[in-house]
Amino acid sequence: MQTRMRYRNSCCLRGRADPIVMIDPGFRPLYLIGAMRQSSPRPAALARRKILQLAAAAVLTFAALTFAVLPAAAQLARFPTAELTIITASGPHKFAVEVATTPAQLEQGLMFRQSLAPDSGMLFDFKTPQPAMMWMKNTLIPLDMLFVDAQGRIVNIHERAVPGSLETIGTGTPARAVIELNGGSAARLGIRLGDRVEFPIFGSAS
């Protein structure tokens, strides 16, 4: 196909010495016709597509973060359980606690737990009295921490430790163990400094 053109003499345009090539409006290359016939995407369709893309990206990001934080079950340490009693002014309160004694158990603690039964907790046994430093890395629930000396007396209480916080929590008094309970347990049960903990690792505090 030959292009049909009309030539206009240069004398018709002021200041122009070269001929002007005018494209015949009746001629349109096939690619131009095809492009003109394609309808533009509607704004509503574009909005829906954008929302779906953002939602998919959010799901993928959440999944990646979840798998990065939560380790495989095979990698988690296992804990023996035992009964522990805290003697307060209002009377004794019994707890079923998991006992952490090995390095892996002491490091893991209650990390990654999404809930904790009201009468449950964990006891960290350091074997000998020492300055104890705790934190809430990878811990998903608020906790009360009771620092206990070798005789079973509570020497420090930190209430409602913030989940995920890297702030160190400790006591100036050497502690033989730390007991972690659900956040708010100390206030709810009236646990105070000087209260006694009954558990086989502690000596007589009477």
Protein backbone atom coordinates (compact mmCIF):
# COMPACT_ATOMS: atom_id res chain seq x y z
CA MET A 1 0.00 0.00 0.00
CA GLN A 2 1.29 3.40 -0.92
CA THR A 3 0.92 6.41 1.31
CA ARG A 4 -1.22 9.10 -0.15
CA MET A 5 0.25 12.52 0.54
CA ARG A 6 -0.46 16.07 -0.46
CA TYR A 7 2.38 18.54 -0.89
CA ARG A 8 1.93 22.22 -0.11
CA ASN A 9 4.26 24.68 -1.77
CA SER A 10 6.70 26.42 0.55
CA CYS A 11 5.54 29.83 -0.61
CA CYS A 12 2.28 29.35 1.21
CA LEU A 13 4.02 29.31 4.62
CA ARG A 14 6.02 32.30 5.75
CA GLY A 15 9.59 31.68 6.69
CA ARG A 16 9.56 28.08 5.51
CA ALA A 17 11.69 27.02 2.51
CA ASP A 18 11.12 23.29 2.77
CA PRO A 19 7.98 21.60 1.51
CA ILE A 20 5.48 20.49 4.16
CA VAL A 21 4.29 16.91 3.94
CA MET A 22 0.63 16.57 4.92
CA ILE A 23 -0.68 13.12 5.77
CA ASP A 24 -4.00 12.36 4.21
CA PRO A 25 -6.52 11.99 7.06
CA GLY A 26 -8.08 9.15 5.20
CA PHE A 27 -4.91 7.06 5.61
CA ARG A 28 -4.27 5.30 8.88
CA PRO A 29 -1.70 2.55 9.25
CA LEU A 30 -3.06 -0.70 10.56
CA TYR A 31 -1.15 -0.49 13.83
CA LEU A 32 -2.67 2.94 14.52
CA ILE A 33 -6.17 1.70 13.78
CA GLY A 34 -5.63 -1.27 16.09
CA ALA A 35 -4.36 0.95 18.88
CA MET A 36 -7.30 3.31 18.53
CA ARG A 37 -9.78 0.44 18.70
CA GLN A 38 -8.37 -0.88 22.01
CA SER A 39 -10.47 0.37 24.88
CA SER A 40 -8.68 1.85 27.88
CA PRO A 41 -9.01 -0.05 31.21
CA ARG A 42 -11.81 1.32 33.32
CA PRO A 43 -10.83 3.13 36.53
CA ALA A 44 -12.91 0.73 38.64
CA ALA A 45 -11.13 -2.30 37.18
CA LEU A 46 -7.76 -0.70 37.81
CA ALA A 47 -8.74 0.04 41.42
CA ARG A 48 -9.85 -3.55 42.02
CA ARG A 49 -6.63 -4.88 40.50
CA LYS A 50 -4.55 -2.58 42.71
CA ILE A 51 -6.44 -3.68 45.85
CA LEU A 52 -5.91 -7.34 44.99
CA GLN A 53 -2.19 -6.76 44.44
CA LEU A 54 -1.85 -4.97 47.79
CA ALA A 55 -3.81 -7.70 49.59
CA ALA A 56 -1.62 -10.43 48.09
CA ALA A 57 1.52 -8.55 49.08
CA ALA A 58 0.21 -8.14 52.64
CA VAL A 59 -0.55 -11.86 52.94
CA LEU A 60 2.90 -12.82 51.70
CA THR A 61 4.57 -10.36 54.08
CA PHE A 62 2.59 -11.67 57.06
CA ALA A 63 3.44 -15.27 56.20
CA ALA A 64 7.13 -14.46 55.87
CA LEU A 65 7.20 -12.69 59.24
CA THR A 66 5.28 -15.52 60.91
CA PHE A 67 7.66 -18.20 59.69
CA ALA A 68 10.65 -16.02 60.60
CA VAL A 69 9.44 -15.68 64.21
CA LEU A 70 7.94 -19.09 64.89
CA PRO A 71 10.50 -21.92 64.74
CA ALA A 72 9.67 -25.48 63.80
CA ALA A 73 8.15 -27.54 66.60
CA ALA A 74 11.10 -29.93 66.45
CA GLN A 75 13.45 -27.08 67.41
CA LEU A 76 11.57 -26.13 70.59
CA ALA A 77 12.84 -27.38 73.92
CA ARG A 78 10.59 -29.57 76.06
CA PHE A 79 10.04 -28.96 79.75
CA PRO A 80 9.19 -31.20 82.70
CA THR A 81 6.28 -30.02 84.84
CA ALA A 82 5.82 -29.88 88.58
CA GLU A 83 3.53 -28.33 91.20
CA LEU A 84 4.57 -25.15 92.95
CA THR A 85 2.86 -23.26 95.79
CA ILE A 86 3.10 -19.58 96.65
CA ILE A 87 2.10 -18.74 100.21
CA THR A 88 0.55 -15.26 100.46
CA ALA A 89 -1.34 -13.34 103.15
CA SER A 90 -4.59 -14.52 101.57
CA GLY A 91 -3.50 -18.17 101.56
CA PRO A 92 -1.66 -20.66 99.34
CA HIS A 93 -1.91 -20.56 95.55
CA LYS A 94 -0.90 -23.61 93.55
CA PHE A 95 0.53 -23.55 90.03
CA ALA A 96 1.48 -26.24 87.52
CA VAL A 97 4.83 -24.92 86.29
CA GLU A 98 7.22 -26.02 83.59
CA VAL A 99 10.78 -26.22 84.91
CA ALA A 100 13.69 -24.78 82.89
CA THR A 101 17.14 -26.03 83.92
CA THR A 102 19.19 -26.69 80.76
CA PRO A 103 20.79 -23.87 78.73
CA ALA A 104 18.33 -24.44 75.88
CA GLN A 105 15.35 -24.37 78.24
CA LEU A 106 16.58 -21.28 80.09
CA GLU A 107 17.12 -19.44 76.80
CA GLN A 108 13.74 -20.36 75.32
CA GLY A 109 11.49 -19.96 78.35
CA LEU A 110 7.95 -18.99 77.37
CA MET A 111 8.91 -17.67 73.95
CA PHE A 112 6.37 -18.16 71.13
CA ARG A 113 3.51 -19.12 73.49
CA GLN A 114 0.23 -17.56 72.41
CA SER A 115 -1.51 -18.25 75.71
CA LEU A 116 -0.91 -19.55 79.23
CA ALA A 117 -3.44 -21.18 81.53
CA PRO A 118 -4.37 -19.10 84.62
CA ASP A 119 -2.81 -21.62 87.03
CA SER A 120 0.28 -22.30 84.90
CA GLY A 121 3.73 -20.77 84.69
CA MET A 122 7.43 -21.48 84.36
CA LEU A 123 10.24 -21.72 86.89
CA PHE A 124 13.80 -20.88 85.80
CA ASP A 125 16.25 -22.73 88.06
CA PHE A 126 19.73 -21.17 87.98
CA LYS A 127 21.12 -23.85 90.35
CA THR A 128 22.94 -21.26 92.50
CA PRO A 129 21.93 -17.74 93.62
CA GLN A 130 23.10 -15.13 91.12
CA PRO A 131 22.06 -11.76 89.63
CA ALA A 132 19.27 -12.75 87.25
CA MET A 133 18.54 -10.80 84.08
CA MET A 134 15.41 -11.53 82.03
CA TRP A 135 13.84 -10.08 78.89
CA MET A 136 10.76 -10.58 76.69
CA LYS A 137 12.30 -11.26 73.28
CA ASN A 138 9.95 -13.36 71.11
CA THR A 139 7.47 -13.55 74.01
CA LEU A 140 3.91 -12.95 72.81
CA ILE A 141 2.01 -12.59 76.10
CA PRO A 142 2.48 -10.24 79.10
CA LEU A 143 4.09 -11.89 82.13
CA ASP A 144 4.67 -11.30 85.83
CA MET A 145 8.19 -12.21 86.96
CA LEU A 146 8.89 -13.26 90.56
CA PHE A 147 12.55 -13.34 91.60
CA VAL A 148 13.10 -15.88 94.39
CA ASP A 149 16.14 -16.34 96.65
CA ALA A 150 17.68 -19.63 97.79
CA GLN A 151 15.32 -19.83 100.79
CA GLY A 152 12.22 -19.43 98.62
CA ARG A 153 11.47 -15.81 99.50
CA ILE A 154 10.26 -13.47 96.75
CA VAL A 155 12.82 -10.66 96.58
CA ASN A 156 11.56 -8.78 93.51
CA ILE A 157 8.39 -8.63 91.42
CA HIS A 158 8.14 -7.22 87.90
CA GLU A 159 4.50 -7.02 86.82
CA ARG A 160 3.13 -7.15 83.29
CA ALA A 161 6.39 -7.34 81.33
CA VAL A 162 5.77 -6.05 77.79
CA PRO A 163 5.65 -8.70 75.03
CA GLY A 164 8.60 -8.47 72.65
CA SER A 165 10.49 -5.92 74.74
CA LEU A 166 14.29 -6.16 74.78
CA GLU A 167 14.52 -4.23 78.04
CA THR A 168 16.44 -6.19 80.67
CA ILE A 169 14.55 -7.02 83.86
CA GLY A 170 16.51 -8.00 86.95
CA THR A 171 17.17 -7.50 90.62
CA GLY A 172 20.14 -6.40 92.68
CA THR A 173 19.57 -9.30 95.07
CA PRO A 174 20.90 -12.71 93.95
CA ALA A 175 18.09 -15.04 92.89
CA ARG A 176 18.08 -18.80 92.82
CA ALA A 177 15.09 -18.84 90.47
CA VAL A 178 12.60 -16.75 88.55
CA ILE A 179 8.93 -17.68 88.25
CA GLU A 180 6.94 -16.40 85.28
CA LEU A 181 3.15 -16.20 85.54
CA ASN A 182 0.40 -14.66 83.44
CA GLY A 183 0.53 -10.88 83.49
CA GLY A 184 -1.65 -9.57 86.31
CA SER A 185 -1.41 -12.71 88.47
CA ALA A 186 0.59 -11.00 91.23
CA ALA A 187 -1.99 -8.23 91.63
CA ARG A 188 -4.94 -10.59 91.30
CA LEU A 189 -3.66 -13.04 93.94
CA GLY A 190 -2.05 -10.47 96.21
CA ILE A 191 1.50 -11.80 95.78
CA ARG A 192 3.92 -9.51 97.61
CA LEU A 193 7.63 -9.18 98.37
CA GLY A 194 8.62 -11.58 101.13
CA ASP A 195 5.97 -14.15 100.25
CA ARG A 196 7.23 -17.72 100.36
CA VAL A 197 7.49 -20.21 97.50
CA GLU A 198 7.27 -23.93 98.29
CA PHE A 199 9.26 -26.02 95.82
CA PRO A 200 11.91 -28.73 96.32
CA ILE A 201 14.86 -26.57 95.16
CA PHE A 202 14.34 -24.00 97.93
CA GLY A 203 15.56 -24.29 101.50
CA SER A 204 13.38 -23.64 104.52
CA ALA A 205 12.24 -20.01 104.71
CA SER A 206 10.32 -20.32 107.95
